[in-house]
């Protein structure tokens, strides 16, 4: 996985659910410029990447197929 996967996720999500990239970015990481930074070739740290991926997984619309070429994060097992 790489930062292009996050760009694909945000683009697909916005096309389906609406909203601006900055608004979704702010919800995902509290940094409204994350996706614009990624589009300009800058990166992000691993924790930001992981947090964004988890946010998309948890907030992905039920009626929208997850992009096939991007692996979904594994579901957490419930504590016994």
N, C-alpha and C. Protein backbone atom coordinates (compact mmCIF):
# COMPACT_ATOMS: atom_id res chain seq x y z
N UNK A 1 0.85 -1.19 0.00
CA UNK A 1 0.00 0.00 0.00
C UNK A 1 0.88 1.24 0.00
N UNK A 2 0.37 2.27 -0.63
CA UNK A 2 1.08 3.54 -0.63
C UNK A 2 0.10 4.70 -0.55
N UNK A 3 0.61 5.90 -0.57
CA UNK A 3 -0.26 7.07 -0.39
C UNK A 3 -1.26 7.23 -1.53
N UNK A 4 -0.97 6.68 -2.70
CA UNK A 4 -1.95 6.72 -3.79
C UNK A 4 -3.22 5.97 -3.42
N UNK A 5 -3.11 4.97 -2.56
CA UNK A 5 -4.30 4.26 -2.10
C UNK A 5 -5.21 5.19 -1.30
N UNK A 6 -4.63 6.04 -0.48
CA UNK A 6 -5.45 7.00 0.28
C UNK A 6 -6.12 7.99 -0.66
N UNK A 7 -5.41 8.41 -1.69
CA UNK A 7 -6.00 9.33 -2.67
C UNK A 7 -7.16 8.65 -3.38
N UNK A 8 -7.00 7.38 -3.75
CA UNK A 8 -8.09 6.64 -4.38
C UNK A 8 -9.28 6.54 -3.44
N UNK A 9 -9.02 6.24 -2.18
CA UNK A 9 -10.12 6.12 -1.21
C UNK A 9 -10.87 7.43 -1.05
N UNK A 10 -10.16 8.52 -0.89
CA UNK A 10 -10.85 9.80 -0.69
C UNK A 10 -11.60 10.22 -1.95
N UNK A 11 -11.03 9.99 -3.11
CA UNK A 11 -11.69 10.35 -4.36
C UNK A 11 -12.97 9.53 -4.54
N UNK A 12 -12.90 8.24 -4.30
CA UNK A 12 -14.06 7.36 -4.43
C UNK A 12 -15.13 7.71 -3.41
N UNK A 13 -14.70 7.94 -2.17
CA UNK A 13 -15.63 8.29 -1.09
C UNK A 13 -16.38 9.58 -1.42
N UNK A 14 -15.66 10.61 -1.84
CA UNK A 14 -16.29 11.90 -2.13
C UNK A 14 -17.22 11.80 -3.33
N UNK A 15 -16.83 11.05 -4.35
CA UNK A 15 -17.69 10.89 -5.53
C UNK A 15 -19.03 10.27 -5.15
N UNK A 16 -19.01 9.42 -4.13
CA UNK A 16 -20.24 8.74 -3.71
C UNK A 16 -21.00 9.53 -2.63
N UNK A 17 -20.29 9.97 -1.61
CA UNK A 17 -20.94 10.56 -0.44
C UNK A 17 -20.99 12.08 -0.46
N UNK A 18 -20.19 12.69 -1.34
CA UNK A 18 -20.15 14.15 -1.39
C UNK A 18 -19.19 14.72 -0.36
N UNK A 19 -19.12 16.02 -0.32
CA UNK A 19 -18.23 16.71 0.60
C UNK A 19 -16.97 17.16 -0.11
N UNK A 20 -16.20 17.94 0.58
CA UNK A 20 -14.95 18.42 0.00
C UNK A 20 -13.79 17.57 0.53
N UNK A 21 -12.73 17.56 -0.23
CA UNK A 21 -11.56 16.80 0.18
C UNK A 21 -11.00 17.34 1.51
N UNK A 22 -11.01 18.65 1.68
CA UNK A 22 -10.50 19.24 2.91
C UNK A 22 -11.35 18.84 4.12
N UNK A 23 -12.66 18.80 3.94
CA UNK A 23 -13.55 18.40 5.04
C UNK A 23 -13.31 16.95 5.43
N UNK A 24 -13.24 16.07 4.43
CA UNK A 24 -12.99 14.66 4.72
C UNK A 24 -11.62 14.49 5.34
N UNK A 25 -10.63 15.20 4.83
CA UNK A 25 -9.28 15.14 5.38
C UNK A 25 -9.27 15.55 6.84
N UNK A 26 -10.01 16.59 7.16
CA UNK A 26 -10.07 17.06 8.54
C UNK A 26 -10.74 16.03 9.44
N UNK A 27 -11.75 15.34 8.93
CA UNK A 27 -12.40 14.28 9.72
C UNK A 27 -11.46 13.09 9.92
N UNK A 28 -10.71 12.79 8.89
CA UNK A 28 -9.83 11.62 8.92
C UNK A 28 -8.65 11.85 9.87
N UNK A 29 -8.02 13.01 9.80
CA UNK A 29 -6.77 13.21 10.53
C UNK A 29 -6.68 14.53 11.29
N UNK A 30 -7.70 15.33 11.26
CA UNK A 30 -7.70 16.69 11.80
C UNK A 30 -6.66 17.57 11.10
N UNK A 31 -6.30 17.21 9.88
CA UNK A 31 -5.40 18.00 9.05
C UNK A 31 -6.06 18.17 7.69
N UNK A 32 -6.64 19.31 7.45
CA UNK A 32 -7.41 19.55 6.23
C UNK A 32 -6.56 19.48 4.96
N UNK A 33 -5.25 19.48 5.09
CA UNK A 33 -4.39 19.48 3.91
C UNK A 33 -3.75 18.13 3.60
N UNK A 34 -4.11 17.08 4.32
CA UNK A 34 -3.45 15.79 4.12
C UNK A 34 -3.48 15.35 2.66
N UNK A 35 -4.65 15.30 2.06
CA UNK A 35 -4.75 14.77 0.71
C UNK A 35 -4.14 15.70 -0.32
N UNK A 36 -4.20 17.00 -0.11
CA UNK A 36 -3.53 17.91 -1.04
C UNK A 36 -2.01 17.74 -0.94
N UNK A 37 -1.52 17.48 0.26
CA UNK A 37 -0.07 17.21 0.42
C UNK A 37 0.31 15.91 -0.30
N UNK A 38 -0.51 14.88 -0.16
CA UNK A 38 -0.22 13.61 -0.82
C UNK A 38 -0.25 13.77 -2.34
N UNK A 39 -1.22 14.54 -2.84
CA UNK A 39 -1.32 14.77 -4.28
C UNK A 39 -0.10 15.51 -4.83
N UNK A 40 0.51 16.33 -3.99
CA UNK A 40 1.69 17.09 -4.44
C UNK A 40 2.98 16.30 -4.29
N UNK A 41 2.86 15.03 -3.90
CA UNK A 41 4.05 14.18 -3.82
C UNK A 41 4.68 14.09 -2.45
N UNK A 42 4.11 14.79 -1.49
CA UNK A 42 4.62 14.71 -0.12
C UNK A 42 4.02 13.48 0.55
N UNK A 43 4.62 13.04 1.60
CA UNK A 43 4.16 11.83 2.28
C UNK A 43 3.48 12.13 3.59
N UNK A 44 3.31 11.08 4.36
CA UNK A 44 2.77 11.19 5.71
C UNK A 44 3.41 10.09 6.54
N UNK A 45 3.32 10.22 7.84
CA UNK A 45 3.93 9.19 8.68
C UNK A 45 3.02 7.96 8.75
N UNK A 46 3.56 6.88 9.25
CA UNK A 46 2.85 5.60 9.27
C UNK A 46 1.58 5.69 10.12
N UNK A 47 1.63 6.37 11.23
CA UNK A 47 0.44 6.44 12.09
C UNK A 47 -0.68 7.23 11.41
N UNK A 48 -0.34 8.28 10.66
CA UNK A 48 -1.35 9.04 9.92
C UNK A 48 -1.96 8.18 8.83
N UNK A 49 -1.11 7.44 8.11
CA UNK A 49 -1.59 6.55 7.06
C UNK A 49 -2.53 5.51 7.64
N UNK A 50 -2.11 4.88 8.73
CA UNK A 50 -2.93 3.84 9.37
C UNK A 50 -4.24 4.40 9.88
N UNK A 51 -4.19 5.56 10.50
CA UNK A 51 -5.41 6.19 11.02
C UNK A 51 -6.38 6.51 9.90
N UNK A 52 -5.86 7.01 8.79
CA UNK A 52 -6.72 7.34 7.65
C UNK A 52 -7.35 6.08 7.08
N UNK A 53 -6.57 5.04 6.94
CA UNK A 53 -7.09 3.78 6.39
C UNK A 53 -8.19 3.21 7.30
N UNK A 54 -7.97 3.26 8.59
CA UNK A 54 -8.98 2.78 9.55
C UNK A 54 -10.23 3.64 9.49
N UNK A 55 -10.06 4.96 9.37
CA UNK A 55 -11.23 5.84 9.28
C UNK A 55 -12.08 5.46 8.08
N UNK A 56 -11.43 5.30 6.93
CA UNK A 56 -12.19 4.93 5.73
C UNK A 56 -12.88 3.58 5.92
N UNK A 57 -12.20 2.62 6.49
CA UNK A 57 -12.80 1.31 6.71
C UNK A 57 -14.04 1.42 7.60
N UNK A 58 -13.95 2.18 8.66
CA UNK A 58 -15.06 2.30 9.60
C UNK A 58 -16.20 3.18 9.09
N UNK A 59 -15.92 4.07 8.15
CA UNK A 59 -16.93 5.01 7.68
C UNK A 59 -17.33 4.79 6.23
N UNK A 60 -16.87 3.71 5.64
CA UNK A 60 -17.17 3.43 4.23
C UNK A 60 -18.65 3.13 4.07
N UNK A 61 -19.32 3.77 3.11
CA UNK A 61 -20.76 3.54 2.90
C UNK A 61 -21.05 2.07 2.57
N UNK A 62 -22.11 1.55 3.14
CA UNK A 62 -22.50 0.16 2.90
C UNK A 62 -22.83 -0.10 1.44
N UNK A 63 -23.33 0.92 0.76
CA UNK A 63 -23.75 0.73 -0.63
C UNK A 63 -22.66 1.09 -1.66
N UNK A 64 -21.42 1.17 -1.19
CA UNK A 64 -20.29 1.47 -2.07
C UNK A 64 -19.25 0.38 -1.93
N UNK A 65 -18.87 -0.21 -3.06
CA UNK A 65 -17.86 -1.26 -3.03
C UNK A 65 -16.48 -0.66 -2.73
N UNK A 66 -15.77 -1.29 -1.82
CA UNK A 66 -14.39 -0.90 -1.50
C UNK A 66 -13.54 -1.18 -2.75
N UNK A 67 -12.62 -0.28 -3.11
CA UNK A 67 -11.79 -0.53 -4.29
C UNK A 67 -11.05 -1.87 -4.20
N UNK A 68 -11.19 -2.67 -5.24
CA UNK A 68 -10.66 -4.04 -5.25
C UNK A 68 -9.15 -4.12 -5.08
N UNK A 69 -8.43 -3.14 -5.58
CA UNK A 69 -6.98 -3.21 -5.54
C UNK A 69 -6.38 -2.66 -4.24
N UNK A 70 -7.23 -2.29 -3.30
CA UNK A 70 -6.75 -1.78 -2.01
C UNK A 70 -7.22 -2.74 -0.92
N UNK A 71 -6.28 -3.40 -0.23
CA UNK A 71 -6.70 -4.32 0.84
C UNK A 71 -7.33 -3.55 2.01
N UNK A 72 -8.42 -4.10 2.51
CA UNK A 72 -9.05 -3.50 3.69
C UNK A 72 -8.29 -3.94 4.92
N UNK A 73 -8.25 -3.07 5.92
CA UNK A 73 -7.57 -3.47 7.15
C UNK A 73 -8.32 -4.62 7.82
N UNK A 74 -7.60 -5.50 8.50
CA UNK A 74 -8.29 -6.61 9.18
C UNK A 74 -9.17 -6.08 10.32
N UNK A 75 -10.27 -6.76 10.52
CA UNK A 75 -11.18 -6.38 11.61
C UNK A 75 -10.56 -6.75 12.94
N UNK A 76 -10.78 -5.91 13.94
CA UNK A 76 -10.28 -6.20 15.28
C UNK A 76 -11.13 -7.32 15.88
N UNK A 77 -10.47 -8.21 16.57
CA UNK A 77 -11.20 -9.27 17.27
C UNK A 77 -11.72 -8.73 18.58
N UNK A 78 -12.96 -9.12 18.91
CA UNK A 78 -13.53 -8.68 20.18
C UNK A 78 -12.81 -9.35 21.32
N UNK A 79 -12.62 -8.59 22.39
CA UNK A 79 -11.98 -9.16 23.58
C UNK A 79 -12.93 -10.15 24.23
N UNK A 80 -12.40 -11.25 24.68
CA UNK A 80 -13.24 -12.31 25.27
C UNK A 80 -13.62 -11.98 26.68
